[in-house]
Amino acid sequence: MALGDAILACLTERPMTGYELAKTFDASIGFFWKADHQQIYRELSRLRDKGHVQGREVVQSGKPNKLVYTLTPEGRAALKHWAARPSVPPSIKDDLLVRLYALDTVDIEPLRTDLMARLEHHRDRYERYERLLNKRFADGTAPPADLGKMLSLRLGMRHERVVVEWCEEALDALSAISQRGNLLPLDDKRESSG
């Protein structure tokens, strides 16, 4: 997936300024596709050059004029073409997992601190997704235009819950190592019961 495809997907909702697009991106697609605001503005220029979006200048009194971007028919076709291709499963690049892989040669206390921070990060994200889901889809249903958003939030919640459980498991295992000075087998009842 390219950033341009993510921007085109955002613009299917409504015309937006670059600022509004960046904010919408942060609060939606940004949960699973990272881009800073400068990247979004640069990509908007490229999409405009390709004819996938058009910018309409809106005159404002007392403020600089603003550009409102809309998806063009060519942009909609490009988005449909991109969406028809098979997706590529994401790869994981996580330095925490590399540190755990090298557990026998790293200090445990900094690793524990890192795991605790990661645990809080994923708890916070879970709670954020839950608030969004309850706010936008309180009754657990969505109109067809929003079904993908609801399903993405549900997957996000499940992912965050699993990572929280894994962080807790890893912290327990590291505590056992610290207390006993040797490795203990993990007894994961969830895996053995399935």
N, C-alpha and C. Protein backbone atom coordinates (compact mmCIF):
# COMPACT_ATOMS: atom_id res chain seq x y z
N MET A 1 0.85 -1.18 0.00
CA MET A 1 0.00 0.00 0.00
C MET A 1 0.89 1.23 0.00
N ALA A 2 0.53 2.16 -0.80
CA ALA A 2 1.24 3.43 -0.83
C ALA A 2 0.44 4.47 -0.06
N LEU A 3 1.13 5.49 0.41
CA LEU A 3 0.46 6.55 1.14
C LEU A 3 -0.63 7.19 0.29
N GLY A 4 -0.39 7.31 -0.99
CA GLY A 4 -1.40 7.89 -1.88
C GLY A 4 -2.71 7.14 -1.85
N ASP A 5 -2.64 5.81 -1.80
CA ASP A 5 -3.85 5.00 -1.73
C ASP A 5 -4.62 5.28 -0.44
N ALA A 6 -3.89 5.43 0.66
CA ALA A 6 -4.53 5.72 1.94
C ALA A 6 -5.20 7.10 1.91
N ILE A 7 -4.54 8.07 1.27
CA ILE A 7 -5.12 9.40 1.16
C ILE A 7 -6.38 9.36 0.30
N LEU A 8 -6.32 8.65 -0.82
CA LEU A 8 -7.51 8.53 -1.68
C LEU A 8 -8.66 7.91 -0.89
N ALA A 9 -8.36 6.90 -0.07
CA ALA A 9 -9.41 6.26 0.74
C ALA A 9 -10.03 7.27 1.70
N CYS A 10 -9.21 8.11 2.31
CA CYS A 10 -9.74 9.14 3.22
C CYS A 10 -10.65 10.12 2.49
N LEU A 11 -10.24 10.50 1.28
CA LEU A 11 -11.01 11.50 0.53
C LEU A 11 -12.33 10.96 -0.01
N THR A 12 -12.57 9.66 0.12
CA THR A 12 -13.87 9.14 -0.31
C THR A 12 -14.98 9.61 0.62
N GLU A 13 -14.61 10.01 1.85
CA GLU A 13 -15.62 10.45 2.82
C GLU A 13 -16.22 11.80 2.46
N ARG A 14 -15.33 12.79 2.14
CA ARG A 14 -15.79 14.14 1.84
C ARG A 14 -14.60 14.97 1.38
N PRO A 15 -14.84 16.10 0.73
CA PRO A 15 -13.74 17.01 0.39
C PRO A 15 -13.09 17.53 1.68
N MET A 16 -11.77 17.71 1.66
CA MET A 16 -11.06 18.16 2.86
C MET A 16 -9.88 19.03 2.49
N THR A 17 -9.51 19.91 3.41
CA THR A 17 -8.25 20.64 3.28
C THR A 17 -7.13 19.67 3.65
N GLY A 18 -5.90 20.06 3.35
CA GLY A 18 -4.77 19.23 3.75
C GLY A 18 -4.73 19.03 5.25
N TYR A 19 -5.03 20.10 6.00
CA TYR A 19 -5.04 20.01 7.46
C TYR A 19 -6.12 19.04 7.94
N GLU A 20 -7.33 19.17 7.39
CA GLU A 20 -8.42 18.27 7.79
C GLU A 20 -8.08 16.82 7.43
N LEU A 21 -7.46 16.64 6.27
CA LEU A 21 -7.06 15.31 5.84
C LEU A 21 -6.05 14.71 6.81
N ALA A 22 -5.05 15.50 7.20
CA ALA A 22 -4.03 15.01 8.13
C ALA A 22 -4.67 14.64 9.47
N LYS A 23 -5.60 15.45 9.95
CA LYS A 23 -6.28 15.15 11.22
C LYS A 23 -7.16 13.89 11.10
N THR A 24 -7.88 13.78 9.99
CA THR A 24 -8.72 12.60 9.76
C THR A 24 -7.84 11.37 9.65
N PHE A 25 -6.72 11.50 8.96
CA PHE A 25 -5.78 10.40 8.81
C PHE A 25 -5.30 9.93 10.18
N ASP A 26 -4.91 10.89 11.03
CA ASP A 26 -4.42 10.55 12.38
C ASP A 26 -5.46 9.78 13.19
N ALA A 27 -6.74 10.14 13.03
CA ALA A 27 -7.79 9.55 13.86
C ALA A 27 -8.46 8.34 13.22
N SER A 28 -7.95 7.87 12.09
CA SER A 28 -8.58 6.72 11.45
C SER A 28 -7.51 5.82 10.83
N ILE A 29 -7.16 6.06 9.60
CA ILE A 29 -6.18 5.22 8.90
C ILE A 29 -4.84 5.23 9.62
N GLY A 30 -4.54 6.33 10.30
CA GLY A 30 -3.28 6.43 11.03
C GLY A 30 -3.09 5.38 12.10
N PHE A 31 -4.16 4.70 12.50
CA PHE A 31 -4.01 3.63 13.48
C PHE A 31 -3.24 2.45 12.88
N PHE A 32 -3.32 2.29 11.56
CA PHE A 32 -2.64 1.15 10.96
C PHE A 32 -1.78 1.51 9.76
N TRP A 33 -1.62 2.80 9.47
CA TRP A 33 -0.71 3.26 8.42
C TRP A 33 -0.15 4.60 8.88
N LYS A 34 1.13 4.63 9.22
CA LYS A 34 1.75 5.83 9.78
C LYS A 34 2.23 6.77 8.70
N ALA A 35 1.94 8.05 8.88
CA ALA A 35 2.46 9.11 8.01
C ALA A 35 2.38 10.42 8.78
N ASP A 36 3.43 11.23 8.68
CA ASP A 36 3.36 12.53 9.33
C ASP A 36 2.71 13.53 8.38
N HIS A 37 2.39 14.70 8.90
CA HIS A 37 1.63 15.68 8.13
C HIS A 37 2.40 16.15 6.90
N GLN A 38 3.72 16.32 7.01
CA GLN A 38 4.51 16.74 5.85
C GLN A 38 4.43 15.70 4.73
N GLN A 39 4.47 14.43 5.08
CA GLN A 39 4.35 13.37 4.07
C GLN A 39 2.99 13.46 3.37
N ILE A 40 1.96 13.72 4.12
CA ILE A 40 0.61 13.80 3.56
C ILE A 40 0.52 14.97 2.59
N TYR A 41 1.07 16.13 2.97
CA TYR A 41 1.03 17.29 2.08
C TYR A 41 1.83 17.04 0.79
N ARG A 42 3.01 16.41 0.92
CA ARG A 42 3.80 16.09 -0.28
C ARG A 42 3.04 15.14 -1.19
N GLU A 43 2.41 14.13 -0.59
CA GLU A 43 1.67 13.15 -1.39
C GLU A 43 0.44 13.78 -2.05
N LEU A 44 -0.21 14.71 -1.37
CA LEU A 44 -1.33 15.42 -1.98
C LEU A 44 -0.88 16.14 -3.25
N SER A 45 0.30 16.75 -3.22
CA SER A 45 0.83 17.42 -4.42
C SER A 45 1.05 16.43 -5.54
N ARG A 46 1.61 15.26 -5.21
CA ARG A 46 1.83 14.23 -6.24
C ARG A 46 0.50 13.72 -6.81
N LEU A 47 -0.47 13.51 -5.95
CA LEU A 47 -1.78 13.04 -6.41
C LEU A 47 -2.45 14.10 -7.29
N ARG A 48 -2.24 15.34 -6.94
CA ARG A 48 -2.81 16.42 -7.76
C ARG A 48 -2.13 16.44 -9.14
N ASP A 49 -0.80 16.27 -9.15
CA ASP A 49 -0.06 16.24 -10.42
C ASP A 49 -0.51 15.07 -11.31
N LYS A 50 -0.89 13.95 -10.68
CA LYS A 50 -1.36 12.78 -11.43
C LYS A 50 -2.81 12.91 -11.87
N GLY A 51 -3.51 13.89 -11.32
CA GLY A 51 -4.92 14.06 -11.66
C GLY A 51 -5.85 13.22 -10.79
N HIS A 52 -5.35 12.67 -9.70
CA HIS A 52 -6.18 11.84 -8.83
C HIS A 52 -6.99 12.66 -7.83
N VAL A 53 -6.51 13.85 -7.51
CA VAL A 53 -7.26 14.78 -6.66
C VAL A 53 -7.21 16.15 -7.32
N GLN A 54 -8.18 16.96 -6.98
CA GLN A 54 -8.13 18.35 -7.44
C GLN A 54 -8.29 19.24 -6.22
N GLY A 55 -7.62 20.37 -6.27
CA GLY A 55 -7.70 21.33 -5.18
C GLY A 55 -8.47 22.55 -5.63
N ARG A 56 -9.42 22.95 -4.82
CA ARG A 56 -10.21 24.15 -5.10
C ARG A 56 -9.88 25.17 -4.03
N GLU A 57 -9.45 26.36 -4.47
CA GLU A 57 -9.09 27.40 -3.52
C GLU A 57 -10.34 28.04 -2.94
N VAL A 58 -10.37 28.14 -1.62
CA VAL A 58 -11.48 28.78 -0.92
C VAL A 58 -10.93 30.07 -0.31
N VAL A 59 -11.52 31.18 -0.72
CA VAL A 59 -11.09 32.49 -0.23
C VAL A 59 -11.66 32.70 1.17
N GLN A 60 -10.78 33.14 2.08
CA GLN A 60 -11.20 33.40 3.46
C GLN A 60 -10.83 34.83 3.80
N SER A 61 -11.67 35.50 4.53
CA SER A 61 -11.34 36.86 4.94
C SER A 61 -10.61 36.82 6.29
N GLY A 62 -9.54 37.57 6.36
CA GLY A 62 -8.76 37.63 7.59
C GLY A 62 -7.83 36.45 7.80
N LYS A 63 -7.86 35.47 6.90
CA LYS A 63 -7.00 34.29 7.00
C LYS A 63 -6.47 33.99 5.61
N PRO A 64 -5.38 33.20 5.56
CA PRO A 64 -4.92 32.79 4.23
C PRO A 64 -5.97 31.91 3.55
N ASN A 65 -6.02 31.96 2.23
CA ASN A 65 -6.93 31.09 1.49
C ASN A 65 -6.54 29.63 1.74
N LYS A 66 -7.50 28.76 1.58
CA LYS A 66 -7.20 27.34 1.78
C LYS A 66 -7.58 26.55 0.54
N LEU A 67 -6.93 25.38 0.40
CA LEU A 67 -7.23 24.46 -0.70
C LEU A 67 -8.07 23.33 -0.15
N VAL A 68 -9.19 23.06 -0.80
CA VAL A 68 -10.03 21.93 -0.43
C VAL A 68 -9.87 20.89 -1.53
N TYR A 69 -9.46 19.69 -1.12
CA TYR A 69 -9.17 18.62 -2.07
C TYR A 69 -10.38 17.70 -2.21
N THR A 70 -10.61 17.27 -3.44
CA THR A 70 -11.65 16.28 -3.71
C THR A 70 -11.06 15.19 -4.60
N LEU A 71 -11.64 14.05 -4.50
CA LEU A 71 -11.24 12.90 -5.31
C LEU A 71 -11.80 13.09 -6.72
N THR A 72 -10.97 12.90 -7.74
CA THR A 72 -11.43 13.00 -9.13
C THR A 72 -11.89 11.62 -9.59
N PRO A 73 -12.59 11.54 -10.71
CA PRO A 73 -12.95 10.22 -11.25
C PRO A 73 -11.72 9.36 -11.50
N GLU A 74 -10.61 9.97 -11.93
CA GLU A 74 -9.37 9.21 -12.14
C GLU A 74 -8.84 8.68 -10.81
N GLY A 75 -8.96 9.50 -9.76
CA GLY A 75 -8.53 9.07 -8.43
C GLY A 75 -9.37 7.93 -7.90
N ARG A 76 -10.67 8.02 -8.13
CA ARG A 76 -11.58 6.94 -7.70
C ARG A 76 -11.24 5.64 -8.45
N ALA A 77 -10.95 5.76 -9.75
CA ALA A 77 -10.57 4.57 -10.55
C ALA A 77 -9.24 4.00 -10.05
N ALA A 78 -8.29 4.87 -9.72
CA ALA A 78 -6.99 4.40 -9.20
C ALA A 78 -7.18 3.67 -7.88
N LEU A 79 -8.05 4.20 -7.02
CA LEU A 79 -8.32 3.55 -5.74
C LEU A 79 -8.97 2.18 -5.95
N LYS A 80 -9.92 2.10 -6.87
CA LYS A 80 -10.57 0.82 -7.16
C LYS A 80 -9.57 -0.18 -7.73
N HIS A 81 -8.69 0.29 -8.61
CA HIS A 81 -7.66 -0.59 -9.19
C HIS A 81 -6.73 -1.12 -8.09
N TRP A 82 -6.29 -0.21 -7.22
CA TRP A 82 -5.41 -0.62 -6.12
C TRP A 82 -6.14 -1.63 -5.21
N ALA A 83 -7.40 -1.36 -4.87
CA ALA A 83 -8.15 -2.21 -3.95
C ALA A 83 -8.44 -3.59 -4.54
N ALA A 84 -8.40 -3.73 -5.86
CA ALA A 84 -8.67 -5.02 -6.50
C ALA A 84 -7.46 -5.95 -6.46
N ARG A 85 -6.29 -5.39 -6.17
CA ARG A 85 -5.08 -6.22 -6.09
C ARG A 85 -5.02 -6.94 -4.76
N PRO A 86 -4.35 -8.10 -4.72
CA PRO A 86 -4.23 -8.80 -3.43
C PRO A 86 -3.38 -7.98 -2.44
N SER A 87 -3.75 -8.06 -1.19
CA SER A 87 -2.97 -7.37 -0.16
C SER A 87 -1.72 -8.17 0.16
N VAL A 88 -0.77 -7.51 0.77
CA VAL A 88 0.48 -8.14 1.17
C VAL A 88 0.49 -8.18 2.70
N PRO A 89 0.61 -9.37 3.29
CA PRO A 89 0.66 -9.41 4.76
C PRO A 89 1.82 -8.55 5.27
N PRO A 90 1.58 -7.79 6.35
CA PRO A 90 2.63 -6.91 6.85
C PRO A 90 3.76 -7.71 7.48
N SER A 91 4.94 -7.14 7.42
CA SER A 91 6.08 -7.76 8.10
C SER A 91 6.27 -7.04 9.44
N ILE A 92 6.80 -7.76 10.39
CA ILE A 92 7.03 -7.19 11.71
C ILE A 92 8.50 -6.81 11.82
N LYS A 93 8.74 -5.58 12.22
CA LYS A 93 10.09 -5.11 12.55
C LYS A 93 9.98 -4.51 13.94
N ASP A 94 10.29 -5.29 14.94
CA ASP A 94 10.10 -4.85 16.31
C ASP A 94 11.38 -5.11 17.10
N ASP A 95 12.05 -4.04 17.49
CA ASP A 95 13.30 -4.19 18.21
C ASP A 95 13.11 -4.85 19.57
N LEU A 96 11.94 -4.73 20.17
CA LEU A 96 11.67 -5.41 21.44
C LEU A 96 11.76 -6.93 21.26
N LEU A 97 11.22 -7.44 20.17
CA LEU A 97 11.27 -8.88 19.92
C LEU A 97 12.70 -9.35 19.68
N VAL A 98 13.52 -8.51 19.07
CA VAL A 98 14.93 -8.87 18.87
C VAL A 98 15.64 -8.91 20.21
N ARG A 99 15.33 -7.97 21.11
CA ARG A 99 15.93 -7.99 22.45
C ARG A 99 15.52 -9.26 23.20
N LEU A 100 14.25 -9.63 23.09
CA LEU A 100 13.81 -10.86 23.74
C LEU A 100 14.50 -12.09 23.15
N TYR A 101 14.72 -12.06 21.85
CA TYR A 101 15.43 -13.17 21.20
C TYR A 101 16.82 -13.32 21.79
N ALA A 102 17.43 -12.20 22.12
CA ALA A 102 18.79 -12.21 22.69
C ALA A 102 18.75 -12.11 24.21
N LEU A 103 17.72 -12.63 24.81
CA LEU A 103 17.49 -12.50 26.26
C LEU A 103 18.69 -12.95 27.10
N ASP A 104 19.39 -13.96 26.65
CA ASP A 104 20.51 -14.47 27.45
C ASP A 104 21.71 -13.52 27.45
N THR A 105 21.69 -12.48 26.65
CA THR A 105 22.84 -11.56 26.60
C THR A 105 22.48 -10.11 26.91
N VAL A 106 21.23 -9.83 27.28
CA VAL A 106 20.83 -8.45 27.58
C VAL A 106 20.44 -8.34 29.05
N ASP A 107 20.45 -7.11 29.57
CA ASP A 107 20.02 -6.87 30.94
C ASP A 107 18.50 -6.93 31.01
N ILE A 108 18.00 -7.62 32.01
CA ILE A 108 16.56 -7.84 32.12
C ILE A 108 15.81 -6.60 32.57
N GLU A 109 16.38 -5.82 33.48
CA GLU A 109 15.62 -4.68 34.02
C GLU A 109 15.25 -3.64 32.96
N PRO A 110 16.17 -3.23 32.08
CA PRO A 110 15.74 -2.30 31.01
C PRO A 110 14.69 -2.94 30.09
N LEU A 111 14.80 -4.23 29.89
CA LEU A 111 13.83 -4.95 29.07
C LEU A 111 12.46 -4.96 29.74
N ARG A 112 12.44 -5.17 31.05
CA ARG A 112 11.18 -5.13 31.81
C ARG A 112 10.55 -3.74 31.72
N THR A 113 11.38 -2.70 31.86
CA THR A 113 10.89 -1.33 31.77
C THR A 113 10.28 -1.08 30.39
N ASP A 114 10.95 -1.55 29.36
CA ASP A 114 10.45 -1.41 28.00
C ASP A 114 9.12 -2.15 27.83
N LEU A 115 9.05 -3.35 28.36
CA LEU A 115 7.81 -4.13 28.28
C LEU A 115 6.66 -3.46 29.02
N MET A 116 6.95 -2.87 30.17
CA MET A 116 5.89 -2.17 30.92
C MET A 116 5.38 -0.96 30.13
N ALA A 117 6.31 -0.23 29.49
CA ALA A 117 5.88 0.91 28.67
C ALA A 117 5.05 0.42 27.49
N ARG A 118 5.47 -0.69 26.89
CA ARG A 118 4.72 -1.24 25.76
C ARG A 118 3.33 -1.68 26.22
N LEU A 119 3.26 -2.30 27.40
CA LEU A 119 1.98 -2.73 27.96
C LEU A 119 1.04 -1.54 28.11
N GLU A 120 1.52 -0.45 28.67
CA GLU A 120 0.67 0.73 28.85
C GLU A 120 0.24 1.32 27.51
N HIS A 121 1.16 1.34 26.55
CA HIS A 121 0.84 1.85 25.21
C HIS A 121 -0.32 1.06 24.60
N HIS A 122 -0.26 -0.26 24.69
CA HIS A 122 -1.30 -1.09 24.08
C HIS A 122 -2.61 -1.05 24.88
N ARG A 123 -2.52 -0.91 26.19
CA ARG A 123 -3.75 -0.71 26.97
C ARG A 123 -4.44 0.59 26.57
N ASP A 124 -3.64 1.64 26.41
CA ASP A 124 -4.21 2.94 26.00
C ASP A 124 -4.86 2.86 24.63
N ARG A 125 -4.20 2.20 23.69
CA ARG A 125 -4.77 2.07 22.35
C ARG A 125 -6.05 1.25 22.38
N TYR A 126 -6.06 0.17 23.18
CA TYR A 126 -7.27 -0.63 23.30
C TYR A 126 -8.43 0.25 23.79
N GLU A 127 -8.17 1.03 24.82
CA GLU A 127 -9.22 1.89 25.38
C GLU A 127 -9.67 2.94 24.37
N ARG A 128 -8.73 3.46 23.59
CA ARG A 128 -9.09 4.45 22.55
C ARG A 128 -9.98 3.82 21.49
N TYR A 129 -9.60 2.63 21.02
CA TYR A 129 -10.42 1.93 20.03
C TYR A 129 -11.80 1.63 20.59
N GLU A 130 -11.84 1.21 21.85
CA GLU A 130 -13.11 0.89 22.47
C GLU A 130 -14.02 2.12 22.55
N ARG A 131 -13.44 3.27 22.93
CA ARG A 131 -14.23 4.51 22.97
C ARG A 131 -14.76 4.87 21.59
N LEU A 132 -13.90 4.76 20.58
CA LEU A 132 -14.33 5.07 19.21
C LEU A 132 -15.44 4.13 18.75
N LEU A 133 -15.27 2.85 19.03
CA LEU A 133 -16.27 1.87 18.63
C LEU A 133 -17.61 2.15 19.31
N ASN A 134 -17.56 2.43 20.61
CA ASN A 134 -18.80 2.71 21.34
C ASN A 134 -19.44 4.02 20.91
N LYS A 135 -18.64 4.99 20.52
CA LYS A 135 -19.17 6.28 20.09
C LYS A 135 -19.79 6.18 18.70
N ARG A 136 -19.07 5.55 17.77
CA ARG A 136 -19.54 5.51 16.37
C ARG A 136 -20.52 4.38 16.09
N PHE A 137 -20.37 3.26 16.84
CA PHE A 137 -21.18 2.08 16.55
C PHE A 137 -21.75 1.52 17.85
N ALA A 138 -22.46 2.36 18.57
CA ALA A 138 -22.96 2.01 19.91
C ALA A 138 -23.81 0.76 19.92
N ASP A 139 -24.58 0.55 18.86
CA ASP A 139 -25.46 -0.63 18.85
C ASP A 139 -24.81 -1.84 18.19
N GLY A 140 -23.52 -1.73 17.83
CA GLY A 140 -22.81 -2.87 17.25
C GLY A 140 -23.09 -3.10 15.78
N THR A 141 -23.77 -2.15 15.14
CA THR A 141 -24.04 -2.27 13.70
C THR A 141 -23.50 -1.03 12.99
N ALA A 142 -23.35 -1.15 11.68
CA ALA A 142 -22.86 -0.03 10.88
C ALA A 142 -23.55 -0.03 9.53
N PRO A 143 -23.80 1.15 8.98
CA PRO A 143 -24.31 1.20 7.60
C PRO A 143 -23.23 0.66 6.66
N PRO A 144 -23.61 0.19 5.49
CA PRO A 144 -22.62 -0.38 4.57
C PRO A 144 -21.39 0.50 4.33
N ALA A 145 -21.57 1.82 4.26
CA ALA A 145 -20.44 2.71 4.01
C ALA A 145 -19.44 2.73 5.17
N ASP A 146 -19.88 2.37 6.37
CA ASP A 146 -19.01 2.40 7.54
C ASP A 146 -18.63 1.02 8.07
N LEU A 147 -19.09 -0.04 7.42
CA LEU A 147 -18.81 -1.39 7.90
C LEU A 147 -17.31 -1.66 7.99
N GLY A 148 -16.55 -1.23 6.99
CA GLY A 148 -15.10 -1.44 7.02
C GLY A 148 -14.45 -0.73 8.19
N LYS A 149 -14.94 0.44 8.53
CA LYS A 149 -14.40 1.18 9.68
C LYS A 149 -14.67 0.42 10.97
N MET A 150 -15.89 -0.09 11.11
CA MET A 150 -16.24 -0.83 12.31
C MET A 150 -15.41 -2.11 12.42
N LEU A 151 -15.25 -2.83 11.32
CA LEU A 151 -14.47 -4.06 11.34
C LEU A 151 -13.00 -3.78 11.66
N SER A 152 -12.47 -2.67 11.14
CA SER A 152 -11.08 -2.30 11.43
C SER A 152 -10.90 -2.00 12.91
N LEU A 153 -11.86 -1.28 13.50
CA LEU A 153 -11.78 -0.99 14.93
C LEU A 153 -11.84 -2.28 15.75
N ARG A 154 -12.70 -3.19 15.37
CA ARG A 154 -12.80 -4.46 16.11
C ARG A 154 -11.50 -5.25 16.01
N LEU A 155 -10.89 -5.28 14.83
CA LEU A 155 -9.60 -5.97 14.70
C LEU A 155 -8.55 -5.26 15.54
N GLY A 156 -8.56 -3.94 15.51
CA GLY A 156 -7.61 -3.18 16.32
C GLY A 156 -7.74 -3.51 17.80
N MET A 157 -8.98 -3.60 18.28
CA MET A 157 -9.20 -3.95 19.69
C MET A 157 -8.67 -5.34 20.00
N ARG A 158 -8.97 -6.29 19.13
CA ARG A 158 -8.50 -7.66 19.36
C ARG A 158 -6.98 -7.72 19.38
N HIS A 159 -6.37 -7.03 18.42
CA HIS A 159 -4.91 -7.01 18.36
C HIS A 159 -4.32 -6.42 19.65
N GLU A 160 -4.86 -5.29 20.07
CA GLU A 160 -4.33 -4.64 21.28
C GLU A 160 -4.54 -5.52 22.51
N ARG A 161 -5.68 -6.19 22.60
CA ARG A 161 -5.93 -7.08 23.74
C ARG A 161 -4.92 -8.22 23.78
N VAL A 162 -4.64 -8.81 22.62
CA VAL A 162 -3.68 -9.92 22.56
C VAL A 162 -2.28 -9.44 22.92
N VAL A 163 -1.89 -8.26 22.44
CA VAL A 163 -0.57 -7.75 22.78
C VAL A 163 -0.47 -7.43 24.27
N VAL A 164 -1.54 -6.89 24.85
CA VAL A 164 -1.56 -6.65 26.30
C VAL A 164 -1.35 -7.96 27.05
N GLU A 165 -2.08 -9.01 26.66
CA GLU A 165 -1.93 -10.31 27.32
C GLU A 165 -0.52 -10.84 27.17
N TRP A 166 0.06 -10.68 25.97
CA TRP A 166 1.42 -11.15 25.72
C TRP A 166 2.43 -10.37 26.57
N CYS A 167 2.27 -9.06 26.68
CA CYS A 167 3.18 -8.25 27.50
C CYS A 167 3.12 -8.70 28.96
N GLU A 168 1.90 -8.96 29.44
CA GLU A 168 1.75 -9.44 30.82
C GLU A 168 2.44 -10.79 31.01
N GLU A 169 2.28 -11.68 30.03
CA GLU A 169 2.94 -12.99 30.07
C GLU A 169 4.46 -12.84 30.07
N ALA A 170 4.98 -11.97 29.21
CA ALA A 170 6.42 -11.76 29.12
C ALA A 170 6.96 -11.15 30.42
N LEU A 171 6.23 -10.21 31.00
CA LEU A 171 6.67 -9.62 32.27
C LEU A 171 6.69 -10.66 33.39
N ASP A 172 5.68 -11.52 33.42
CA ASP A 172 5.66 -12.60 34.42
C ASP A 172 6.86 -13.52 34.24
N ALA A 173 7.16 -13.86 32.99
CA ALA A 173 8.30 -14.75 32.72
C ALA A 173 9.61 -14.09 33.11
N LEU A 174 9.76 -12.80 32.83
CA LEU A 174 10.99 -12.10 33.21
C LEU A 174 11.11 -11.98 34.72
N SER A 175 9.98 -11.80 35.40
CA SER A 175 10.00 -11.76 36.87
C SER A 175 10.46 -13.10 37.43
N ALA A 176 10.00 -14.19 36.83
CA ALA A 176 10.40 -15.52 37.28
C ALA A 176 11.90 -15.71 37.09
N ILE A 177 12.43 -15.22 35.99
CA ILE A 177 13.88 -15.33 35.75
C ILE A 177 14.63 -14.51 36.79
N SER A 178 14.18 -13.31 37.05
CA SER A 178 14.85 -12.43 38.01
C SER A 178 14.83 -13.04 39.41
N GLN A 179 13.73 -13.66 39.79
CA GLN A 179 13.59 -14.22 41.13
C GLN A 179 14.39 -15.50 41.31
N ARG A 180 14.44 -16.32 40.28
CA ARG A 180 15.09 -17.64 40.42
C ARG A 180 16.45 -17.71 39.76
N GLY A 181 16.71 -16.78 38.86
CA GLY A 181 18.01 -16.78 38.20
C GLY A 181 18.15 -17.82 37.10
N ASN A 182 17.06 -18.46 36.72
CA ASN A 182 17.13 -19.42 35.61
C ASN A 182 15.83 -19.37 34.81
N LEU A 183 15.84 -20.02 33.68
CA LEU A 183 14.67 -20.02 32.81
C LEU A 183 13.63 -21.01 33.30
N LEU A 184 12.39 -20.61 33.21
CA LEU A 184 11.30 -21.49 33.58
C LEU A 184 10.45 -21.74 32.35
N PRO A 185 9.90 -22.94 32.19
CA PRO A 185 9.01 -23.18 31.05
C PRO A 185 7.73 -22.37 31.23
N LEU A 186 7.25 -21.82 30.15
CA LEU A 186 5.99 -21.08 30.19
C LEU A 186 4.84 -22.06 30.09
N ASP A 187 3.88 -21.90 30.97
CA ASP A 187 2.69 -22.73 30.94
C ASP A 187 1.56 -21.87 30.40
N ASP A 188 1.34 -21.92 29.10
CA ASP A 188 0.30 -21.11 28.48
C ASP A 188 -0.93 -21.96 28.27
N LYS A 189 -1.86 -21.86 29.19
CA LYS A 189 -3.08 -22.67 29.14
C LYS A 189 -3.95 -22.33 27.93
N ARG A 190 -3.85 -21.07 27.45
CA ARG A 190 -4.68 -20.67 26.29
C ARG A 190 -4.28 -21.46 25.08
N GLU A 191 -2.96 -21.65 24.84
CA GLU A 191 -2.51 -22.37 23.65
C GLU A 191 -2.79 -23.87 23.77
N SER A 192 -2.60 -24.42 24.97
CA SER A 192 -2.76 -25.88 25.11
C SER A 192 -4.22 -26.30 25.11
N SER A 193 -5.15 -25.36 25.42
CA SER A 193 -6.56 -25.74 25.46
C SER A 193 -7.22 -25.70 24.08
N GLY A 194 -6.55 -25.05 23.08
CA GLY A 194 -7.19 -24.90 21.78
C GLY A 194 -6.85 -26.02 20.92
